[in-house]
Structure formats: structure tokens, C-alpha cells
């Protein structure tokens, strides 16, 4: 009995020791790991000591004494590797430092510091994807309403949040009949996030354009947005000012091609950390308008997305996040030619976003409802739109826009 008790106690202590060893191998211990590289070549495996949530800085002593030095997926020379900072984001991450030195002065040191955990990394990525997507959706919708409103009394194009599509008619082009040579417009949108995301935001845009040919308009948009998004219990507050050009061209009586590109420097604040990134957003879309059973119908095919470059001060360190959405859908106006034109829209969207080596793909529907109005003070549009941001996260938007020909 005594022997059995001792055996059981020994096994338990061994299990605790193994668990402790495994745990220590997966967290940052605040120390450093150094190795001298010999002329025959040496390897240093950083996974042995560091794990998910750790951030380490590489210091190369006497870079000129190395014949070669590289770190898997990070750098390929002693000069390039010196000062590099690398973060572990997944349990399978493994960074191999390999090189050839002189065996005396060729030394590499990896200094560990406490980095973000996976929940913090996920929260940052989710917030950036949600806010970048919402901002691009708003700008696209605002431009769609502004350009579509030129067709006074006829069906405007699909312009619900997340879809940028316009068609033009010669009504909005300068002519000998004194028709408008351009337009001024404004748009306001509110967004409510749901699912794995919690929070809301709003964006306000103003813009104007001029006719550059009989069938094309060139304009500029200025947009300010502010959002408050929570993911995984971590809250992100952000605001940004976006600016850029847009273009819409009519091809024949049915077809049009539209494009926009805007630049922004979003400011983020989370858990006491603040930083500014650089974001480029763009959209390209083709549309066709036709009559179907007495209704004015507009179909579209397009792509939109953004690329955001984060600084070293970001939670997950310096890196690039991209998001691309392809959209195919249609809109039906139920009272073409009337002063008030209610409509419904439906689209299928395929979204792919990438954060370093992490890539996520999703396919989801997007639905919208609204009404366009013509009045003495200009053209107005009200709409509500719903769709997914990414799997298990969604957004509902409410929009208002106004446009006046000049």
C-alpha cells in the first residue's frame, strides 16, 4: 500500500512537471537566448523557448563576421535580421535562425518580451476588418446614390450599403439645353455590429463632381467616420478621415462602369494603446439596367476592398491586413418614374481577408430596402441594409443621402 502511494505521488509530480515545462515553453519568460555561430553552420530553434503571445527582438553582434544568416520567413541576411521583431500568433509557429559565422564573434541574441495573447490579436484584426469594410461600404453607397440620382424620374441604381454601382444618363451631362454640369451631395450612415462583434459607428461624407465628357463624370469625396467595436471582450475605438477621387462612365443606354479610390489614416485606441495606420480602399463595378415585368431592374458585378498597413505600435506588431469582396446581385424598383420609388436589393458576396499568414474566407447574402425621392430641394434616399462582415459577425446599416445638380 505504501509502495502504491509513493508510485501514485511520483506519477502526479511528473505530470505536474511535464505540464509546467510545456507551459513555460509556450510563454515569454522575460529572458534572452543567445548562440554563437560557427564556420560549419549552426541553427537556433526559437520554438523551444518561446510560444504564442511572445514577441522577441533579434540582435546580431558583428554582422560583418557572418557568411550567411536567415530567419524563416523574416529575413535573409545578418544586416537585415539585426533589430527585427517577430511575434508568435499560433501554437504551430516556429522560427529557425540558421547561419554561418566565424565561431568567435558571430553571435545572435533573441530577447523575449511579453506580447499579446491570441484573443488580443483576434480582436485587433476583427476591429480593423469591420471598420475598414464599413467605411468602404458607406463611401460606395454614398457615391451610388449621388450618381444614380441623376436619372430623375427613372430607376436609380443599386446603392445599398456595401454595393457601389451607378448608371448615368445624358440628363446629368452638360448640353446646349442647359442641363447640369455636375453635382454636390452629402450622405450619412449608421452601422450596428452583431454576432461575435458588438458596437456601432457612423460616417458622414460630402462630395462633388463635374462632367468630363458627354457620358462620364469625375469627382472627389471627403468622408469622416468614427466607430466603437468590441471583439472577444476587447474594445477598439477608431476614427478616420478619407479622401479620394471617383469616376462613372456610361456605355450605351444600359451599361455603366464605376470606380473609386480613397486614402485614410485611421486612429485606433484599445487597452491604453494608441496608434495610426494607413488604409487604401477601392471599388470597381459594372452594371446593366433593364425592364422586367414592368419593374426597373439593375444587376451588378463588382469587387471592392482595402489594404491597411499597421505600425509596430499595433497590438500584433507591424504588418499588413487586406480584405477583398466580390459581389453579384440585383435591385428592383417598384415604381419607376414616380416621385417616390421604393426598392429591394439582394446580392451574394464572397469575402476574403488576410492578416499575415492568417486567411479567412466567407460567402454570404446581403439584403437591402429603401426609397428614393425627388423633390424641389434635390434628390433624397433612405435605406437599410444587412449582411455579414465575416463568418459569425454581421452588420446592419441605416443610410440617408441628398444630392443637388449644379
Protein backbone atom coordinates (compact mmCIF):
# COMPACT_ATOMS: atom_id res chain seq x y z
CA UNK A 1 0.00 0.00 0.00
CA UNK A 2 2.82 2.34 0.90
CA UNK A 3 4.62 1.50 -2.35
CA UNK A 4 1.43 2.20 -4.32
CA UNK A 5 1.03 5.58 -2.65
CA UNK A 6 4.63 6.56 -3.42
CA UNK A 7 4.20 5.48 -7.05
CA UNK A 8 0.99 7.48 -7.39
CA UNK A 9 2.59 10.57 -5.85
CA UNK A 10 5.63 10.25 -8.12
CA UNK A 11 3.43 9.99 -11.21
CA UNK A 12 1.47 13.05 -10.16
CA UNK A 13 4.63 15.09 -9.60
CA UNK A 14 5.96 14.01 -13.00
CA UNK A 15 2.70 15.07 -14.66
CA UNK A 16 2.87 18.48 -12.97
CA UNK A 17 6.47 18.86 -14.04
CA UNK A 18 5.71 17.99 -17.64
CA UNK A 19 2.74 20.37 -17.71
CA UNK A 20 4.83 23.15 -16.19
CA UNK A 21 7.56 22.57 -18.74
CA UNK A 22 5.06 22.67 -21.58
CA UNK A 23 3.50 25.84 -20.20
CA UNK A 24 6.87 27.56 -19.85
CA UNK A 25 7.73 26.66 -23.41
CA UNK A 26 4.60 28.44 -24.63
CA UNK A 27 5.03 31.74 -22.81
CA UNK A 28 7.59 34.51 -22.67
CA UNK A 29 9.89 34.27 -19.65
CA UNK A 30 11.44 37.72 -19.99
CA UNK A 31 14.97 36.43 -20.63
CA UNK A 32 17.09 36.07 -23.75
CA UNK A 33 18.54 33.22 -25.77
CA UNK A 34 21.98 33.60 -27.37
CA UNK A 35 24.13 31.49 -29.63
CA UNK A 36 27.49 31.82 -31.36
CA UNK A 37 27.50 30.64 -34.97
CA UNK A 38 30.47 28.60 -36.21
CA UNK A 39 32.00 28.32 -39.65
CA UNK A 40 30.43 24.92 -40.25
CA UNK A 41 26.98 26.41 -39.66
CA UNK A 42 24.57 26.42 -36.71
CA UNK A 43 20.84 26.51 -36.08
CA UNK A 44 18.79 28.09 -33.27
CA UNK A 45 15.18 26.97 -32.87
CA UNK A 46 13.15 29.71 -31.20
CA UNK A 47 10.12 27.48 -30.73
CA UNK A 48 11.96 25.58 -27.98
CA UNK A 49 11.70 28.52 -25.62
CA UNK A 50 9.07 30.90 -26.92
CA UNK A 51 5.45 30.34 -27.89
CA UNK A 52 2.10 32.00 -28.70
CA UNK A 53 1.86 35.50 -27.27
CA UNK A 54 5.61 36.07 -27.15
CA UNK A 55 7.40 38.85 -29.00
CA UNK A 56 11.16 38.75 -29.46
CA UNK A 57 13.75 41.15 -30.82
CA UNK A 58 16.78 39.85 -32.73
CA UNK A 59 20.19 41.35 -32.06
CA UNK A 60 23.09 40.38 -34.36
CA UNK A 61 26.56 41.04 -32.93
CA UNK A 62 29.24 41.81 -35.52
CA UNK A 63 27.08 41.30 -38.65
CA UNK A 64 30.18 41.52 -40.84
CA UNK A 65 31.54 38.26 -39.45
CA UNK A 66 28.59 36.23 -40.81
CA UNK A 67 28.91 34.49 -44.14
CA UNK A 68 25.14 33.95 -44.07
CA UNK A 69 22.24 34.41 -41.66
CA UNK A 70 18.49 33.94 -42.06
CA UNK A 71 15.29 33.55 -40.04
CA UNK A 72 12.38 31.59 -41.51
CA UNK A 73 10.01 33.99 -43.24
CA UNK A 74 11.58 37.05 -41.59
CA UNK A 75 14.97 37.99 -43.04
CA UNK A 76 17.78 36.63 -45.20
CA UNK A 77 20.99 38.44 -44.16
CA UNK A 78 22.79 39.46 -40.98
CA UNK A 79 22.21 43.15 -41.68
CA UNK A 80 18.51 42.61 -42.41
CA UNK A 81 17.92 40.37 -39.37
CA UNK A 82 19.54 42.77 -36.91
CA UNK A 83 16.81 44.58 -34.97
CA UNK A 84 13.92 42.54 -36.40
CA UNK A 85 10.94 41.94 -34.12
CA UNK A 86 8.84 38.80 -34.54
CA UNK A 87 5.59 37.78 -32.83
CA UNK A 88 4.20 34.30 -32.20
CA UNK A 89 0.49 34.20 -33.08
CA UNK A 90 -0.16 30.45 -33.36
CA UNK A 91 0.91 27.37 -31.44
CA UNK A 92 2.48 25.96 -34.61
CA UNK A 93 4.70 28.99 -35.25
CA UNK A 94 8.38 28.12 -35.44
CA UNK A 95 11.24 30.43 -36.32
CA UNK A 96 14.57 28.87 -37.27
CA UNK A 97 17.68 31.04 -37.11
CA UNK A 98 20.38 29.50 -39.30
CA UNK A 99 23.75 30.89 -40.27
CA UNK A 100 27.49 30.58 -40.79
CA UNK A 101 29.85 32.70 -38.69
CA UNK A 102 33.45 32.78 -37.52
CA UNK A 103 32.83 30.83 -34.33
CA UNK A 104 34.12 33.67 -32.11
CA UNK A 105 32.34 36.97 -32.70
CA UNK A 106 29.33 35.86 -34.71
CA UNK A 107 26.57 35.93 -32.11
CA UNK A 108 22.78 36.19 -32.26
CA UNK A 109 20.58 37.06 -29.28
CA UNK A 110 16.79 36.74 -29.16
CA UNK A 111 15.36 38.86 -26.36
CA UNK A 112 11.85 37.97 -25.27
CA UNK A 113 9.21 40.40 -24.06
CA UNK A 114 5.58 39.89 -23.08
CA UNK A 115 3.43 40.10 -26.19
CA UNK A 116 -0.30 39.97 -26.92
CA UNK A 117 -2.31 36.79 -26.49
CA UNK A 118 -4.41 35.26 -29.24
CA UNK A 119 -7.61 36.96 -28.07
CA UNK A 120 -5.95 40.37 -28.36
CA UNK A 121 -4.63 39.59 -31.83
CA UNK A 122 -8.06 38.37 -32.97
CA UNK A 123 -9.76 41.45 -31.53
CA UNK A 124 -7.43 43.80 -33.36
CA UNK A 125 -7.88 42.00 -36.68
CA UNK A 126 -11.68 41.82 -36.30
CA UNK A 127 -11.94 45.52 -35.45
CA UNK A 128 -9.82 46.58 -38.42
CA UNK A 129 -11.72 44.35 -40.87
CA UNK A 130 -15.11 45.53 -39.54
CA UNK A 131 -14.26 49.24 -39.58
CA UNK A 132 -12.43 49.15 -42.92
CA UNK A 133 -15.32 47.26 -44.51
CA UNK A 134 -17.97 49.57 -43.05
CA UNK A 135 -16.15 52.68 -44.23
CA UNK A 136 -15.73 51.33 -47.77
CA UNK A 137 -19.37 50.23 -47.86
CA UNK A 138 -20.53 53.69 -46.84
CA UNK A 139 -18.44 55.51 -49.43
CA UNK A 140 -19.59 53.14 -52.17
CA UNK A 141 -23.24 53.55 -51.19
CA UNK A 142 -22.94 57.34 -50.97
CA UNK A 143 -21.42 57.57 -54.44
CA UNK A 144 -24.01 55.16 -55.85
CA UNK A 145 -26.84 57.33 -54.56
CA UNK A 146 -25.23 60.53 -55.83
CA UNK A 147 -24.67 59.24 -59.34
CA UNK A 148 -27.91 57.26 -59.59
CA UNK A 149 -29.95 60.30 -58.56
CA UNK A 150 -29.11 61.97 -61.89
CA UNK A 151 -31.76 59.80 -63.54
CA UNK A 152 -34.63 61.94 -62.39
CA UNK A 153 -37.89 60.05 -62.55
CA UNK A 154 -36.36 56.73 -63.58
CA UNK A 155 -34.95 53.83 -61.62
CA UNK A 156 -31.68 54.68 -59.86
CA UNK A 157 -29.04 52.06 -59.47
CA UNK A 158 -28.28 49.67 -56.66
CA UNK A 159 -26.75 51.77 -53.92
CA UNK A 160 -27.34 49.99 -50.65
CA UNK A 161 -24.51 49.79 -48.16
CA UNK A 162 -21.75 47.56 -49.36
CA UNK A 163 -22.62 47.90 -53.06
CA UNK A 164 -21.15 50.64 -55.25
CA UNK A 165 -22.96 50.84 -58.56
CA UNK A 166 -24.10 53.76 -60.71
CA UNK A 167 -25.58 54.36 -64.13
CA UNK A 168 -25.71 57.72 -65.86
CA UNK A 169 -27.97 59.29 -68.44
CA UNK A 170 -27.42 62.34 -70.58
CA UNK A 171 -29.76 64.21 -68.22
CA UNK A 172 -26.77 64.83 -65.97
CA UNK A 173 -24.36 65.88 -68.72
CA UNK A 174 -23.71 69.42 -69.93
CA UNK A 175 -25.53 70.19 -73.15
CA UNK A 176 -26.93 73.04 -75.15
CA UNK A 177 -30.23 72.57 -73.33
CA UNK A 178 -28.75 73.88 -70.08
CA UNK A 179 -28.58 70.54 -68.31
CA UNK A 180 -26.43 70.15 -65.12
CA UNK A 181 -22.66 70.09 -65.47
CA UNK A 182 -22.09 68.40 -62.12
CA UNK A 183 -23.49 67.84 -58.64
CA UNK A 184 -22.96 68.40 -54.92
CA UNK A 185 -24.04 65.73 -52.44
CA UNK A 186 -23.86 64.55 -48.83
CA UNK A 187 -24.51 61.20 -47.10
CA UNK A 188 -24.85 59.92 -43.53
CA UNK A 189 -24.76 56.28 -42.39
CA UNK A 190 -25.04 54.48 -39.06
CA UNK A 191 -23.80 50.89 -38.53
CA UNK A 192 -24.74 48.40 -35.79
CA UNK A 193 -22.48 45.34 -35.43
CA UNK A 194 -23.67 41.96 -34.12
CA UNK A 195 -22.74 38.30 -33.72
CA UNK A 196 -19.17 37.92 -32.45
CA UNK A 197 -18.82 41.70 -32.79
CA UNK A 198 -20.51 44.29 -30.60
CA UNK A 199 -20.60 48.01 -31.18
CA UNK A 200 -21.66 50.71 -33.59
CA UNK A 201 -20.38 53.60 -35.65
CA UNK A 202 -21.24 56.32 -38.09
CA UNK A 203 -19.81 58.02 -41.14
CA UNK A 204 -20.52 61.33 -42.88
CA UNK A 205 -19.46 62.14 -46.44
CA UNK A 206 -19.58 65.11 -48.79
CA UNK A 207 -18.59 65.22 -52.42
CA UNK A 208 -18.93 66.81 -55.81
CA UNK A 209 -18.32 66.01 -59.46
CA UNK A 210 -18.21 67.53 -62.94
CA UNK A 211 -18.93 66.20 -66.42
CA UNK A 212 -15.68 65.50 -68.27
CA UNK A 213 -17.28 64.04 -71.41
CA UNK A 214 -20.83 63.55 -72.65
CA UNK A 215 -21.04 60.23 -70.81
CA UNK A 216 -18.60 60.49 -67.88
CA UNK A 217 -18.28 62.30 -64.55
CA UNK A 218 -15.19 62.80 -62.38
CA UNK A 219 -15.49 63.78 -58.73
CA UNK A 220 -13.95 63.77 -55.26
CA UNK A 221 -15.23 62.55 -51.88
CA UNK A 222 -14.30 63.51 -48.30
CA UNK A 223 -15.55 61.22 -45.53
CA UNK A 224 -15.20 61.14 -41.73
CA UNK A 225 -16.05 58.03 -39.71
CA UNK A 226 -15.98 57.06 -36.05
CA UNK A 227 -16.54 53.52 -34.70
CA UNK A 228 -16.59 51.67 -31.38
CA UNK A 229 -16.18 47.89 -31.80
CA UNK A 230 -15.77 45.14 -29.19
CA UNK A 231 -14.48 41.65 -30.03
CA UNK A 232 -13.62 38.96 -27.52
CA UNK A 233 -14.22 41.42 -24.67
CA UNK A 234 -11.62 43.89 -26.02
CA UNK A 235 -12.86 47.32 -27.09
CA UNK A 236 -11.50 49.34 -30.02
CA UNK A 237 -12.28 52.99 -30.65
CA UNK A 238 -11.31 54.41 -34.03
CA UNK A 239 -11.81 57.43 -36.25
CA UNK A 240 -10.54 58.32 -39.71
CA UNK A 241 -10.74 60.93 -42.46
CA UNK A 242 -10.85 59.53 -46.01
CA UNK A 243 -10.32 61.39 -49.28
CA UNK A 244 -10.10 60.37 -52.92
CA UNK A 245 -11.48 60.52 -56.48
CA UNK A 246 -14.34 58.67 -58.17
CA UNK A 247 -15.37 58.14 -61.79
CA UNK A 248 -18.55 56.97 -63.50
CA UNK A 249 -18.90 56.30 -67.23
CA UNK A 250 -21.96 55.33 -69.25
CA UNK A 251 -21.57 52.74 -72.03
CA UNK A 252 -24.54 52.84 -74.34
CA UNK A 253 -28.05 53.16 -72.92
CA UNK A 254 -27.90 50.24 -70.46
CA UNK A 255 -24.40 49.76 -69.12
CA UNK A 256 -22.01 51.67 -66.87
CA UNK A 257 -18.64 51.22 -65.19
CA UNK A 258 -17.81 52.94 -61.92
CA UNK A 259 -14.72 53.20 -59.73
CA UNK A 260 -13.42 54.93 -56.61
CA UNK A 261 -10.20 55.03 -54.56
CA UNK A 262 -9.70 56.71 -51.18
CA UNK A 263 -6.84 57.09 -48.71
CA UNK A 264 -7.15 57.31 -44.91
CA UNK A 265 -5.01 57.31 -41.75
CA UNK A 266 -7.23 55.64 -39.11
CA UNK A 267 -6.51 56.24 -35.43
CA UNK A 268 -7.04 53.28 -33.04
CA UNK A 269 -7.24 53.15 -29.25
CA UNK A 270 -7.50 49.88 -27.27
CA UNK A 271 -6.49 48.88 -23.75
CA UNK A 272 -4.45 52.04 -23.29
CA UNK A 273 -2.60 51.63 -26.59
CA UNK A 274 -2.99 54.13 -29.44
CA UNK A 275 -1.59 54.11 -32.94
CA UNK A 276 -2.24 55.33 -36.50
CA UNK A 277 -2.29 53.11 -39.59
CA UNK A 278 -2.52 53.72 -43.35
CA UNK A 279 -5.51 52.44 -45.33
CA UNK A 280 -6.23 52.40 -49.05
CA UNK A 281 -9.77 51.48 -50.17
CA UNK A 282 -11.05 50.99 -53.71
CA UNK A 283 -14.03 49.66 -55.65
CA UNK A 284 -14.80 48.75 -59.27
CA UNK A 285 -18.22 47.76 -60.55
CA UNK A 286 -20.11 47.16 -63.79
CA UNK A 287 -23.89 47.39 -64.06
CA UNK A 288 -26.75 46.82 -66.50
CA UNK A 289 -30.24 48.29 -66.32
CA UNK A 290 -33.32 46.76 -67.94
CA UNK A 291 -37.11 46.38 -67.54
CA UNK A 292 -38.52 43.17 -66.06
CA UNK A 293 -42.28 42.63 -65.75
CA UNK A 294 -42.86 46.37 -65.55
CA UNK A 295 -40.20 46.94 -62.89
CA UNK A 296 -36.90 48.77 -63.38
CA UNK A 297 -34.15 46.24 -62.61
CA UNK A 298 -30.43 46.81 -62.20
CA UNK A 299 -27.90 43.97 -61.99
CA UNK A 300 -24.29 44.36 -60.93
CA UNK A 301 -20.94 42.60 -60.78
CA UNK A 302 -18.07 44.16 -58.86
CA UNK A 303 -15.22 44.00 -56.41
CA UNK A 304 -14.20 46.23 -53.51
CA UNK A 305 -11.64 46.04 -50.74
CA UNK A 306 -8.95 47.71 -48.68
CA UNK A 307 -5.31 47.34 -47.69
CA UNK A 308 -4.21 48.57 -44.26
CA UNK A 309 -0.60 48.89 -43.10
CA UNK A 310 -0.21 48.75 -39.32
CA UNK A 311 2.76 50.24 -37.42
CA UNK A 312 4.99 48.49 -34.87
CA UNK A 313 2.87 50.05 -32.10
CA UNK A 314 -0.13 47.88 -33.11
CA UNK A 315 -1.08 45.05 -30.76
CA UNK A 316 0.17 42.42 -33.21
CA UNK A 317 3.13 44.49 -34.39
CA UNK A 318 3.88 45.95 -37.82
CA UNK A 319 2.07 44.06 -40.57
CA UNK A 320 -0.47 44.32 -43.39
CA UNK A 321 -4.17 43.41 -43.35
CA UNK A 322 -6.12 43.12 -46.60
CA UNK A 323 -9.78 42.46 -47.36
CA UNK A 324 -11.41 41.78 -50.75
CA UNK A 325 -15.12 41.30 -51.50
CA UNK A 326 -16.65 40.20 -54.80
CA UNK A 327 -20.35 40.97 -55.22
CA UNK A 328 -23.06 39.77 -57.63
CA UNK A 329 -26.64 40.98 -57.26
CA UNK A 330 -29.61 42.97 -58.43
CA UNK A 331 -32.04 45.67 -57.36
CA UNK A 332 -35.70 46.06 -58.30
CA UNK A 333 -37.53 49.43 -58.22
CA UNK A 334 -41.29 49.02 -57.81
CA UNK A 335 -42.44 52.45 -59.06
CA UNK A 336 -40.13 53.58 -61.88
CA UNK A 337 -40.78 57.15 -62.95
CA UNK A 338 -42.62 58.10 -59.75
CA UNK A 339 -41.53 60.80 -57.33
CA UNK A 340 -41.12 58.19 -54.57
CA UNK A 341 -39.53 54.91 -55.68
CA UNK A 342 -39.35 52.04 -53.15
CA UNK A 343 -36.86 49.29 -53.92
CA UNK A 344 -35.42 45.99 -52.69
CA UNK A 345 -31.96 44.56 -53.36
CA UNK A 346 -30.28 41.19 -52.99
CA UNK A 347 -26.63 40.25 -53.52
CA UNK A 348 -24.27 37.34 -52.88
CA UNK A 349 -20.85 38.34 -51.58
CA UNK A 350 -17.60 36.41 -51.26
CA UNK A 351 -15.15 37.97 -48.81
CA UNK A 352 -11.54 37.07 -48.15
CA UNK A 353 -9.29 38.83 -45.65
CA UNK A 354 -5.71 38.16 -44.73
CA UNK A 355 -3.69 39.09 -41.64
CA UNK A 356 -0.13 37.90 -42.15
CA UNK A 357 -0.32 34.13 -42.58
CA UNK A 358 -3.93 34.00 -41.34
CA UNK A 359 -6.56 33.95 -44.09
CA UNK A 360 -10.35 33.73 -43.71
CA UNK A 361 -12.93 33.23 -46.49
CA UNK A 362 -16.71 33.50 -46.31
CA UNK A 363 -19.75 33.66 -48.61
CA UNK A 364 -22.98 35.34 -47.50
CA UNK A 365 -26.10 37.16 -48.76
CA UNK A 366 -26.71 40.89 -48.45
CA UNK A 367 -30.22 42.35 -48.49
CA UNK A 368 -31.44 45.92 -48.62
CA UNK A 369 -34.62 48.01 -48.72
CA UNK A 370 -35.14 51.71 -49.28
CA UNK A 371 -36.88 54.53 -51.06
CA UNK A 372 -35.60 57.24 -53.41
CA UNK A 373 -37.37 60.60 -53.53
CA UNK A 374 -37.25 63.54 -55.93
CA UNK A 375 -38.13 67.00 -54.62
CA UNK A 376 -37.62 70.71 -55.27
CA UNK A 377 -34.62 70.72 -52.93
CA UNK A 378 -32.87 67.84 -54.64
CA UNK A 379 -32.89 64.06 -54.65
CA UNK A 380 -33.07 62.10 -51.37
CA UNK A 381 -32.54 58.45 -50.49
CA UNK A 382 -33.28 56.41 -47.35
CA UNK A 383 -32.13 52.80 -46.96
CA UNK A 384 -31.49 49.92 -44.57
CA UNK A 385 -29.05 47.14 -45.41
CA UNK A 386 -27.87 43.93 -43.69
CA UNK A 387 -25.06 41.45 -44.35
CA UNK A 388 -22.08 39.61 -42.87
CA UNK A 389 -18.73 41.22 -42.06
CA UNK A 390 -17.18 37.75 -41.86
CA UNK A 391 -18.34 34.36 -40.54
CA UNK A 392 -20.48 34.76 -37.38
CA UNK A 393 -20.21 38.57 -37.45
CA UNK A 394 -22.79 40.81 -39.10
CA UNK A 395 -23.70 44.46 -39.59
CA UNK A 396 -26.93 46.39 -40.16
CA UNK A 397 -26.67 49.88 -41.66
CA UNK A 398 -29.10 52.80 -41.93
CA UNK A 399 -28.39 55.45 -44.55
CA UNK A 400 -29.56 58.87 -45.71
CA UNK A 401 -28.26 60.86 -48.68
CA UNK A 402 -29.02 64.08 -50.52
CA UNK A 403 -27.86 65.37 -53.93
CA UNK A 404 -28.29 68.58 -55.89
CA UNK A 405 -27.39 69.16 -59.55
CA UNK A 406 -25.36 72.26 -60.36
